[in-house]
C-alpha atoms as a PDB file:
ATOM      1  CA  MET A   1       1.512  54.012 214.056  1.00  0.00           C
ATOM      2  CA  PRO A   2      -0.186  50.860 215.678  1.00  0.00           C
ATOM      3  CA  GLU A   3       1.110  50.912 219.408  1.00  0.00           C
ATOM      4  CA  GLY A   4       2.374  47.651 221.463  1.00  0.00           C
ATOM      5  CA  ASP A   5      -1.545  46.905 222.354  1.00  0.00           C
ATOM      6  CA  THR A   6      -2.416  46.851 218.779  1.00  0.00           C
ATOM      7  CA  ILE A   7       0.191  44.691 218.067  1.00  0.00           C
ATOM      8  CA  PHE A   8      -0.448  42.545 220.944  1.00  0.00           C
ATOM      9  CA  ARG A   9      -4.233  41.862 220.386  1.00  0.00           C
ATOM     10  CA  MET A  10      -3.786  41.534 216.656  1.00  0.00           C
ATOM     11  CA  THR A  11      -1.234  38.731 217.681  1.00  0.00           C
ATOM     12  CA  VAL A  12      -3.365  36.838 219.756  1.00  0.00           C
ATOM     13  CA  THR A  13      -6.534  36.659 217.131  1.00  0.00           C
ATOM     14  CA  LEU A  14      -4.309  35.907 214.493  1.00  0.00           C
ATOM     15  CA  ARG A  15      -3.137  33.586 216.835  1.00  0.00           C
ATOM     16  CA  GLN A  16      -6.941  31.766 217.355  1.00  0.00           C
ATOM     17  CA  VAL A  17      -6.448  30.965 213.286  1.00  0.00           C
ATOM     18  CA  LEU A  18      -3.040  30.301 212.637  1.00  0.00           C
ATOM     19  CA  GLU A  19      -1.607  28.166 215.067  1.00  0.00           C
ATOM     20  CA  GLY A  20      -1.238  24.404 214.624  1.00  0.00           C
ATOM     21  CA  HIS A  21      -2.903  24.651 211.233  1.00  0.00           C
ATOM     22  CA  PRO A  22      -1.353  23.743 207.681  1.00  0.00           C
ATOM     23  CA  ILE A  23      -0.683  26.666 205.521  1.00  0.00           C
ATOM     24  CA  THR A  24      -2.794  25.849 202.114  1.00  0.00           C
ATOM     25  CA  ARG A  25      -0.943  29.162 200.310  1.00  0.00           C
ATOM     26  CA  PHE A  26       1.120  31.429 201.086  1.00  0.00           C
ATOM     27  CA  HIS A  27       1.286  34.141 198.336  1.00  0.00           C
ATOM     28  CA  ALA A  28       3.460  37.290 198.140  1.00  0.00           C
ATOM     29  CA  PRO A  29       4.964  38.315 194.725  1.00  0.00           C
ATOM     30  CA  ALA A  30       7.235  40.590 196.038  1.00  0.00           C
ATOM     31  CA  LEU A  31       8.550  39.115 198.937  1.00  0.00           C
ATOM     32  CA  ALA A  32      12.274  37.413 198.440  1.00  0.00           C
ATOM     33  CA  GLY A  33      13.725  34.324 199.647  1.00  0.00           C
ATOM     34  CA  LYS A  34      12.042  30.461 199.550  1.00  0.00           C
ATOM     35  CA  HIS A  35       8.575  30.595 200.779  1.00  0.00           C
ATOM     36  CA  PRO A  36       6.628  28.175 202.805  1.00  0.00           C
ATOM     37  CA  ALA A  37       5.387  25.493 201.009  1.00  0.00           C
ATOM     38  CA  ALA A  38       1.414  24.197 201.225  1.00  0.00           C
ATOM     39  CA  GLY A  39       1.523  22.149 204.056  1.00  0.00           C
ATOM     40  CA  THR A  40       3.980  23.758 206.428  1.00  0.00           C
ATOM     41  CA  MET A  41       2.266  23.862 209.674  1.00  0.00           C
ATOM     42  CA  ILE A  42       2.420  27.270 211.881  1.00  0.00           C
ATOM     43  CA  ARG A  43       4.301  26.906 215.010  1.00  0.00           C
ATOM     44  CA  GLY A  44       3.164  30.048 216.600  1.00  0.00           C
ATOM     45  CA  VAL A  45       2.377  33.958 216.538  1.00  0.00           C
ATOM     46  CA  GLU A  46       4.550  35.983 218.450  1.00  0.00           C
ATOM     47  CA  ALA A  47       4.641  39.961 219.647  1.00  0.00           C
ATOM     48  CA  ARG A  48       7.620  41.878 219.938  1.00  0.00           C
ATOM     49  CA  GLY A  49       6.871  45.211 220.839  1.00  0.00           C
ATOM     50  CA  LYS A  50       5.509  46.454 217.434  1.00  0.00           C
ATOM     51  CA  HIS A  51       7.104  43.649 215.715  1.00  0.00           C
ATOM     52  CA  LEU A  52       4.863  40.676 214.809  1.00  0.00           C
ATOM     53  CA  LEU A  53       6.172  37.538 213.733  1.00  0.00           C
ATOM     54  CA  ILE A  54       4.547  34.169 212.192  1.00  0.00           C
ATOM     55  CA  HIS A  55       6.485  31.055 212.903  1.00  0.00           C
ATOM     56  CA  PHE A  56       6.700  28.480 210.660  1.00  0.00           C
ATOM     57  CA  ALA A  57       7.820  24.203 211.358  1.00  0.00           C
ATOM     58  CA  ASP A  58      10.476  24.788 208.749  1.00  0.00           C
ATOM     59  CA  ASP A  59      12.540  26.973 211.253  1.00  0.00           C
ATOM     60  CA  VAL A  60      11.434  30.129 209.164  1.00  0.00           C
ATOM     61  CA  ALA A  61       9.283  33.150 210.823  1.00  0.00           C
ATOM     62  CA  LEU A  62       7.362  35.802 208.668  1.00  0.00           C
ATOM     63  CA  HIS A  63       8.631  39.480 210.629  1.00  0.00           C
ATOM     64  CA  THR A  64       6.243  42.129 210.010  1.00  0.00           C
ATOM     65  CA  HIS A  65       6.148  45.623 211.450  1.00  0.00           C
ATOM     66  CA  MET A  66       2.731  47.758 210.410  1.00  0.00           C
ATOM     67  CA  GLN A  67       4.722  51.123 211.034  1.00  0.00           C
ATOM     68  CA  MET A  68       2.304  53.895 209.317  1.00  0.00           C
ATOM     69  CA  ASP A  69      -0.389  52.217 207.540  1.00  0.00           C
ATOM     70  CA  GLY A  70       0.595  48.499 207.742  1.00  0.00           C
ATOM     71  CA  SER A  71      -2.449  45.949 209.475  1.00  0.00           C
ATOM     72  CA  TRP A  72      -3.653  42.545 209.288  1.00  0.00           C
ATOM     73  CA  HIS A  73      -6.931  41.166 208.646  1.00  0.00           C
ATOM     74  CA  ILE A  74      -8.597  38.204 208.620  1.00  0.00           C
ATOM     75  CA  TYR A  75     -11.453  36.931 206.314  1.00  0.00           C
ATOM     76  CA  ARG A  76     -13.571  33.498 205.964  1.00  0.00           C
ATOM     77  CA  HIS A  77     -12.777  32.272 202.268  1.00  0.00           C
ATOM     78  CA  GLY A  78     -14.918  33.918 199.783  1.00  0.00           C
ATOM     79  CA  GLU A  79     -15.522  37.597 201.705  1.00  0.00           C
ATOM     80  CA  ARG A  80     -14.894  40.097 200.669  1.00  0.00           C
ATOM     81  CA  TRP A  81     -11.508  42.160 201.915  1.00  0.00           C
ATOM     82  CA  TRP A  82     -12.037  45.835 203.097  1.00  0.00           C
ATOM     83  CA  LYS A  83      -8.650  46.693 200.880  1.00  0.00           C
ATOM     84  CA  GLY A  84      -7.611  46.277 197.195  1.00  0.00           C
ATOM     85  CA  ALA A  85      -5.672  42.902 196.534  1.00  0.00           C
ATOM     86  CA  ALA A  86      -3.049  45.275 195.247  1.00  0.00           C
ATOM     87  CA  HIS A  87      -2.244  46.385 198.669  1.00  0.00           C
ATOM     88  CA  ALA A  88      -2.117  42.869 200.159  1.00  0.00           C
ATOM     89  CA  ARG A  89       2.170  41.966 201.156  1.00  0.00           C
ATOM     90  CA  VAL A  90       1.439  38.641 202.133  1.00  0.00           C
ATOM     91  CA  VAL A  91      -1.914  36.707 201.973  1.00  0.00           C
ATOM     92  CA  LEU A  92      -1.626  34.014 204.119  1.00  0.00           C
ATOM     93  CA  GLU A  93      -4.378  30.708 203.732  1.00  0.00           C
ATOM     94  CA  THR A  94      -5.402  28.158 205.794  1.00  0.00           C
ATOM     95  CA  ALA A  95      -8.098  25.372 205.305  1.00  0.00           C
ATOM     96  CA  ASP A  96     -10.649  27.877 207.052  1.00  0.00           C
ATOM     97  CA  MET A  97      -9.536  31.429 207.005  1.00  0.00           C
ATOM     98  CA  VAL A  98      -8.016  33.768 204.635  1.00  0.00           C
ATOM     99  CA  THR A  99      -5.001  36.073 206.715  1.00  0.00           C
ATOM    100  CA  VAL A 100      -3.776  39.067 204.392  1.00  0.00           C
ATOM    101  CA  CYS A 101      -1.367  41.438 205.717  1.00  0.00           C
ATOM    102  CA  PHE A 102      -1.555  44.783 203.772  1.00  0.00           C
ATOM    103  CA  ASP A 103       0.672  47.782 203.476  1.00  0.00           C
ATOM    104  CA  ALA A 104       3.006  46.993 205.801  1.00  0.00           C
ATOM    105  CA  PRO A 105       6.815  48.279 204.878  1.00  0.00           C
ATOM    106  CA  VAL A 106       8.090  45.719 206.762  1.00  0.00           C
ATOM    107  CA  VAL A 107       8.091  42.473 205.566  1.00  0.00           C
ATOM    108  CA  GLU A 108      10.796  39.174 205.483  1.00  0.00           C
ATOM    109  CA  LEU A 109      11.211  36.007 205.731  1.00  0.00           C
ATOM    110  CA  LEU A 110      14.174  34.979 208.453  1.00  0.00           C
ATOM    111  CA  SER A 111      15.668  31.783 209.458  1.00  0.00           C
ATOM    112  CA  ALA A 112      15.852  31.444 212.982  1.00  0.00           C
ATOM    113  CA  ARG A 113      19.344  32.485 212.910  1.00  0.00           C
ATOM    114  CA  ASP A 114      17.936  35.597 211.386  1.00  0.00           C
ATOM    115  CA  VAL A 115      16.167  36.695 213.726  1.00  0.00           C
ATOM    116  CA  ALA A 116      18.313  36.262 216.592  1.00  0.00           C
ATOM    117  CA  ARG A 117      20.562  38.202 214.665  1.00  0.00           C
ATOM    118  CA  HIS A 118      18.442  40.828 213.326  1.00  0.00           C
ATOM    119  CA  PRO A 119      19.493  44.557 214.097  1.00  0.00           C
ATOM    120  CA  GLN A 120      15.988  45.169 215.322  1.00  0.00           C
ATOM    121  CA  LEU A 121      14.692  42.354 216.612  1.00  0.00           C
ATOM    122  CA  ALA A 122      17.705  41.644 218.815  1.00  0.00           C
ATOM    123  CA  SER A 123      17.954  45.414 219.723  1.00  0.00           C
ATOM    124  CA  LEU A 124      14.510  45.788 221.419  1.00  0.00           C
ATOM    125  CA  GLY A 125      14.704  46.606 225.067  1.00  0.00           C
ATOM    126  CA  PRO A 126      12.541  44.442 227.458  1.00  0.00           C
ATOM    127  CA  ASP A 127       8.222  44.224 226.176  1.00  0.00           C
ATOM    128  CA  LEU A 128       6.281  46.788 228.685  1.00  0.00           C
ATOM    129  CA  CYS A 129       2.813  44.722 227.553  1.00  0.00           C
ATOM    130  CA  ALA A 130       4.212  41.134 229.107  1.00  0.00           C
ATOM    131  CA  PRO A 131       4.197  40.817 232.200  1.00  0.00           C
ATOM    132  CA  GLY A 132       6.592  41.535 234.655  1.00  0.00           C
ATOM    133  CA  PRO A 133       8.851  43.431 232.068  1.00  0.00           C
ATOM    134  CA  ASP A 134      12.531  43.753 233.262  1.00  0.00           C
ATOM    135  CA  VAL A 135      12.611  47.458 234.451  1.00  0.00           C
ATOM    136  CA  ASP A 136      15.815  47.762 235.640  1.00  0.00           C
ATOM    137  CA  GLU A 137      16.578  46.826 232.251  1.00  0.00           C
ATOM    138  CA  ALA A 138      15.132  49.601 230.597  1.00  0.00           C
ATOM    139  CA  LEU A 139      16.409  51.758 233.337  1.00  0.00           C
ATOM    140  CA  ARG A 140      19.963  50.640 231.965  1.00  0.00           C
ATOM    141  CA  ARG A 141      19.293  51.389 228.448  1.00  0.00           C
ATOM    142  CA  MET A 142      17.896  54.214 229.029  1.00  0.00           C
ATOM    143  CA  ALA A 143      21.335  55.488 231.467  1.00  0.00           C
ATOM    144  CA  GLU A 144      22.783  54.558 228.405  1.00  0.00           C
ATOM    145  CA  LEU A 145      20.824  57.282 226.041  1.00  0.00           C
ATOM    146  CA  ASP A 146      22.942  60.468 224.603  1.00  0.00           C
ATOM    147  CA  PRO A 147      21.741  62.792 228.240  1.00  0.00           C
ATOM    148  CA  SER A 148      20.541  65.513 225.954  1.00  0.00           C
ATOM    149  CA  THR A 149      17.956  63.478 224.675  1.00  0.00           C
ATOM    150  CA  GLN A 150      14.321  64.958 225.265  1.00  0.00           C
ATOM    151  CA  ILE A 151      12.503  62.528 227.601  1.00  0.00           C
ATOM    152  CA  GLY A 152       9.601  62.261 225.169  1.00  0.00           C
ATOM    153  CA  ALA A 153      11.853  60.938 222.151  1.00  0.00           C
ATOM    154  CA  ALA A 154      13.535  58.728 224.752  1.00  0.00           C
ATOM    155  CA  MET A 155      10.336  56.998 225.627  1.00  0.00           C
ATOM    156  CA  LEU A 156       9.352  56.237 222.698  1.00  0.00           C
ATOM    157  CA  ASP A 157      13.120  54.629 221.184  1.00  0.00           C
ATOM    158  CA  GLN A 158      12.527  50.978 221.559  1.00  0.00           C
ATOM    159  CA  ARG A 159      16.094  49.603 222.333  1.00  0.00           C
ATOM    160  CA  VAL A 160      14.749  51.309 225.772  1.00  0.00           C
ATOM    161  CA  ALA A 161      11.685  49.147 226.010  1.00  0.00           C
ATOM    162  CA  ALA A 162       9.636  47.688 223.612  1.00  0.00           C
ATOM    163  CA  GLY A 163       5.524  49.172 223.311  1.00  0.00           C
ATOM    164  CA  VAL A 164       5.423  52.635 223.778  1.00  0.00           C
ATOM    165  CA  GLY A 165       3.966  54.780 219.950  1.00  0.00           C
ATOM    166  CA  ASN A 166       2.340  58.423 220.150  1.00  0.00           C
ATOM    167  CA  VAL A 167      -0.256  57.557 222.300  1.00  0.00           C
ATOM    168  CA  TYR A 168       1.385  56.163 224.945  1.00  0.00           C
ATOM    169  CA  LYS A 169       4.480  58.212 225.353  1.00  0.00           C
ATOM    170  CA  SER A 170       1.762  61.673 225.660  1.00  0.00           C
ATOM    171  CA  GLU A 171      -0.270  59.836 228.450  1.00  0.00           C
ATOM    172  CA  VAL A 172       2.543  58.329 230.481  1.00  0.00           C
ATOM    173  CA  LEU A 173       4.324  62.206 230.780  1.00  0.00           C
ATOM    174  CA  PHE A 174       1.002  63.833 231.735  1.00  0.00           C
ATOM    175  CA  ALA A 175       0.435  60.697 234.076  1.00  0.00           C
ATOM    176  CA  CYS A 176       3.646  61.055 235.718  1.00  0.00           C
ATOM    177  CA  GLY A 177       3.594  64.980 235.114  1.00  0.00           C
ATOM    178  CA  VAL A 178       6.702  65.070 233.511  1.00  0.00           C
ATOM    179  CA  ASP A 179       7.634  67.950 230.309  1.00  0.00           C
ATOM    180  CA  PRO A 180       8.042  65.899 227.241  1.00  0.00           C
ATOM    181  CA  PHE A 181      10.682  68.248 226.508  1.00  0.00           C
ATOM    182  CA  VAL A 182      13.156  67.552 229.578  1.00  0.00           C
ATOM    183  CA  ARG A 183      16.507  66.003 228.766  1.00  0.00           C
ATOM    184  CA  VAL A 184      17.104  62.924 229.953  1.00  0.00           C
ATOM    185  CA  GLY A 185      19.937  63.313 232.146  1.00  0.00           C
ATOM    186  CA  ALA A 186      17.588  66.353 234.077  1.00  0.00           C
ATOM    187  CA  VAL A 187      14.908  63.261 235.257  1.00  0.00           C
ATOM    188  CA  ASP A 188      15.818  61.736 238.345  1.00  0.00           C
ATOM    189  CA  ALA A 189      16.172  58.210 238.837  1.00  0.00           C
ATOM    190  CA  GLN A 190      12.854  57.426 239.988  1.00  0.00           C
ATOM    191  CA  THR A 191      11.291  59.463 237.993  1.00  0.00           C
ATOM    192  CA  GLN A 192      12.494  57.632 235.741  1.00  0.00           C
ATOM    193  CA  ARG A 193      11.641  54.706 236.800  1.00  0.00           C
ATOM    194  CA  ARG A 194       7.899  55.694 237.132  1.00  0.00           C
ATOM    195  CA  LEU A 195       7.693  56.611 233.772  1.00  0.00           C
ATOM    196  CA  ILE A 196       8.643  52.791 232.352  1.00  0.00           C
ATOM    197  CA  GLN A 197       6.609  51.442 235.702  1.00  0.00           C
ATOM    198  CA  THR A 198       2.762  53.421 234.153  1.00  0.00           C
ATOM    199  CA  ALA A 199       3.827  52.650 231.164  1.00  0.00           C
ATOM    200  CA  SER A 200       3.759  49.168 231.296  1.00  0.00           C
ATOM    201  CA  VAL A 201       0.828  49.772 233.596  1.00  0.00           C
ATOM    202  CA  LEU A 202      -1.703  51.331 230.762  1.00  0.00           C
ATOM    203  CA  LEU A 203       0.051  49.367 228.130  1.00  0.00           C
ATOM    204  CA  ARG A 204      -1.508  46.342 229.847  1.00  0.00           C
ATOM    205  CA  ARG A 205      -5.000  47.439 230.732  1.00  0.00           C
ATOM    206  CA  ASN A 206      -5.533  47.857 227.211  1.00  0.00           C
ATOM    207  CA  LEU A 207      -4.396  44.322 226.167  1.00  0.00           C
ATOM    208  CA  GLY A 208      -7.874  43.543 226.597  1.00  0.00           C
ATOM    209  CA  GLY A 209      -9.764  45.653 223.739  1.00  0.00           C
ATOM    210  CA  GLY A 210     -12.636  47.945 223.447  1.00  0.00           C
ATOM    211  CA  PRO A 211     -11.387  51.961 223.345  1.00  0.00           C
ATOM    212  CA  ARG A 212      -8.208  52.777 224.473  1.00  0.00           C
ATOM    213  CA  THR A 213      -8.495  53.965 227.702  1.00  0.00           C
ATOM    214  CA  THR A 214      -5.875  55.830 230.446  1.00  0.00           C
ATOM    215  CA  VAL A 215      -8.183  57.974 232.194  1.00  0.00           C
ATOM    216  CA  SER A 216     -11.728  58.133 233.015  1.00  0.00           C
ATOM    217  CA  GLY A 217     -13.020  59.536 230.397  1.00  0.00           C
ATOM    218  CA  GLY A 218     -10.870  58.032 227.633  1.00  0.00           C
ATOM    219  CA  LEU A 219      -7.581  59.852 226.920  1.00  0.00           C
ATOM    220  CA  ALA A 220      -5.964  62.459 228.626  1.00  0.00           C
ATOM    221  CA  VAL A 221      -3.707  64.439 226.262  1.00  0.00           C
ATOM    222  CA  TYR A 222      -3.282  62.320 222.960  1.00  0.00           C
ATOM    223  CA  ASP A 223      -5.020  64.083 220.222  1.00  0.00           C
ATOM    224  CA  ARG A 224      -6.785  66.840 222.329  1.00  0.00           C
ATOM    225  CA  ALA A 225      -5.163  69.666 221.119  1.00  0.00           C
ATOM    226  CA  GLY A 226      -6.381  73.176 222.028  1.00  0.00           C
ATOM    227  CA  ARG A 227      -9.196  71.132 224.528  1.00  0.00           C
ATOM    228  CA  PRO A 228      -8.965  71.539 228.386  1.00  0.00           C
ATOM    229  CA  CYS A 229      -7.066  69.256 230.425  1.00  0.00           C
ATOM    230  CA  ARG A 230      -9.433  66.782 232.187  1.00  0.00           C
ATOM    231  CA  SER A 231      -7.195  67.522 235.478  1.00  0.00           C
ATOM    232  CA  CYS A 232      -6.717  71.457 235.246  1.00  0.00           C
ATOM    233  CA  GLY A 233      -8.889  72.738 232.731  1.00  0.00           C
ATOM    234  CA  ALA A 234      -5.690  74.663 230.989  1.00  0.00           C
ATOM    235  CA  THR A 235      -5.594  74.481 226.767  1.00  0.00           C
ATOM    236  CA  ILE A 236      -3.488  71.007 225.833  1.00  0.00           C
ATOM    237  CA  GLN A 237      -0.802  71.727 223.648  1.00  0.00           C
ATOM    238  CA  HIS A 238       0.405  70.257 220.381  1.00  0.00           C
ATOM    239  CA  GLN A 239       4.418  70.077 219.287  1.00  0.00           C
ATOM    240  CA  ARG A 240       6.336  68.131 216.805  1.00  0.00           C
ATOM    241  CA  GLN A 241       9.218  66.408 218.543  1.00  0.00           C
ATOM    242  CA  GLY A 242      12.523  65.013 217.856  1.00  0.00           C
ATOM    243  CA  ILE A 243      14.744  63.905 214.731  1.00  0.00           C
ATOM    244  CA  GLN A 244      11.336  62.031 213.191  1.00  0.00           C
ATOM    245  CA  GLY A 245       9.236  64.748 213.924  1.00  0.00           C
ATOM    246  CA  ARG A 246       6.689  62.947 216.033  1.00  0.00           C
ATOM    247  CA  SER A 247       3.395  64.592 217.663  1.00  0.00           C
ATOM    248  CA  THR A 248       3.461  65.126 221.377  1.00  0.00           C
ATOM    249  CA  TRP A 249       0.728  66.316 223.246  1.00  0.00           C
ATOM    250  CA  TRP A 250       0.673  68.074 226.881  1.00  0.00           C
ATOM    251  CA  CYS A 251      -0.826  69.986 229.768  1.00  0.00           C
ATOM    252  CA  PRO A 252       1.687  73.117 230.068  1.00  0.00           C
ATOM    253  CA  ARG A 253      -0.104  73.238 233.621  1.00  0.00           C
ATOM    254  CA  CYS A 254       0.100  69.906 234.798  1.00  0.00           C
ATOM    255  CA  GLN A 255       3.626  69.335 232.875  1.00  0.00           C
ATOM    256  CA  PRO A 256       5.382  72.811 233.609  1.00  0.00           C
ATOM    257  CA  PRO A 257       8.716  73.291 231.851  1.00  0.00           C
ATOM    258  CA  PHE A 258      12.172  72.272 233.495  1.00  0.00           C
ATOM    259  CA  ASP A 259      12.488  75.633 234.558  1.00  0.00           C
ATOM    260  CA  LEU A 260       9.968  75.058 237.075  1.00  0.00           C
ATOM    261  CA  ALA A 261      11.555  71.982 237.551  1.00  0.00           C
ATOM    262  CA  GLU A 262      10.876  72.013 241.326  1.00  0.00           C
ATOM    263  CA  ARG A 263       7.283  72.135 240.122  1.00  0.00           C
ATOM    264  CA  TRP A 264       7.501  68.203 238.843  1.00  0.00           C
ATOM    265  CA  VAL A 265      10.598  66.411 239.638  1.00  0.00           C
ATOM    266  CA  GLY A 266       9.108  64.026 242.881  1.00  0.00           C
ATOM    267  CA  ARG A 267       5.486  65.426 242.266  1.00  0.00           C
ATOM    268  CA  GLU A 268       4.853  61.677 242.158  1.00  0.00           C
ATOM    269  CA  HIS A 269       5.551  61.837 246.510  1.00  0.00           C
ATOM    270  CA  GLN A 270       2.696  64.678 246.901  1.00  0.00           C
ATOM    271  CA  ASN A 271      -0.154  61.682 245.426  1.00  0.00           C
ATOM    272  CA  PRO A 272       1.332  58.442 244.038  1.00  0.00           C
ATOM    273  CA  GLY A 273      -0.735  57.335 240.980  1.00  0.00           C
ATOM    274  CA  ARG A 274      -3.869  59.698 241.150  1.00  0.00           C
ATOM    275  CA  ASP A 275      -6.476  58.779 238.421  1.00  0.00           C
ATOM    276  CA  ARG A 276      -6.322  62.388 236.210  1.00  0.00           C
END
C-alpha cells in the first residue's frame, strides 16, 4: 500500500499535468454518478494522507485510494500503457496528456458536500506529510484509542495521523527504540510525541523522490527480516500484527519488549535523534 510520501509525490506530478487544464475525455464505465463533461476545468489535485482527490470546476471531486494495488500513470497520447485497459478504473485525458488510474479499489465521484461528510476523509488525523502538522491533535486522537491497542497498530491508524504505512511504522518505531507490540496505554506521553514527530520528519524527508531513505544506507528494518541490524548487529525480526495482519519488522535488541521497559522508555534522553 503506498505511503503518504508516495501519494504526495503522485499528487505533485498529476498537478503539473492536470491543474488548470480542461478535460477532453473522462472514461470510467464502472463509476457511478454523473461524469465530468468534456471541457470541464480541473481546479486542483490534492493529497490527504493516502487519499488523492482531483477537483473539477463543477464542484465534483474524483476520490481515489490506492490500497495495495492501485496506481496513477501518466502518458502522452499514443504512448503504450504499462498495464492493459482492463485494469483502468479511470481514464482522464487533456489535450496534452492521458492519466490513468489502474486497479484502485476506491474510486468515486463526490460533491463538495460529500467530501466534507465522507466517513474516511472526514475522520483523517493530521497529515504528517504537510508542513507543521498538528502533533497535539494527533496525540489527542491517540489518547482516544483503546489503551490495549498495540503501538504498531496505532501508528497505522489514519484517524490518529494520516500518511504512515508499514514502512514508516516499522522505521519510526525503530528510530525511537520502541517495541512494536507494547500497548498504547503503557507508552509515556513524551515517547508518543516523539513517535509522531519522527514520523513527520521521515515522511517529509522523502517527499522529493528517489529511493526511500530513513538511515544511512536506506531503510533500517523494513523488509530486512533475517538480516543484521545496521545499529547493533542483532537479527531483524518480522511478524504479522493487528486485526488486519499487517507486517512489522523490528530489532529485538534496539527495541526490547515491554517487560524490559526500563531499557527503552525514555531512551531518547540518552541520545536524541541519533542516526542509526
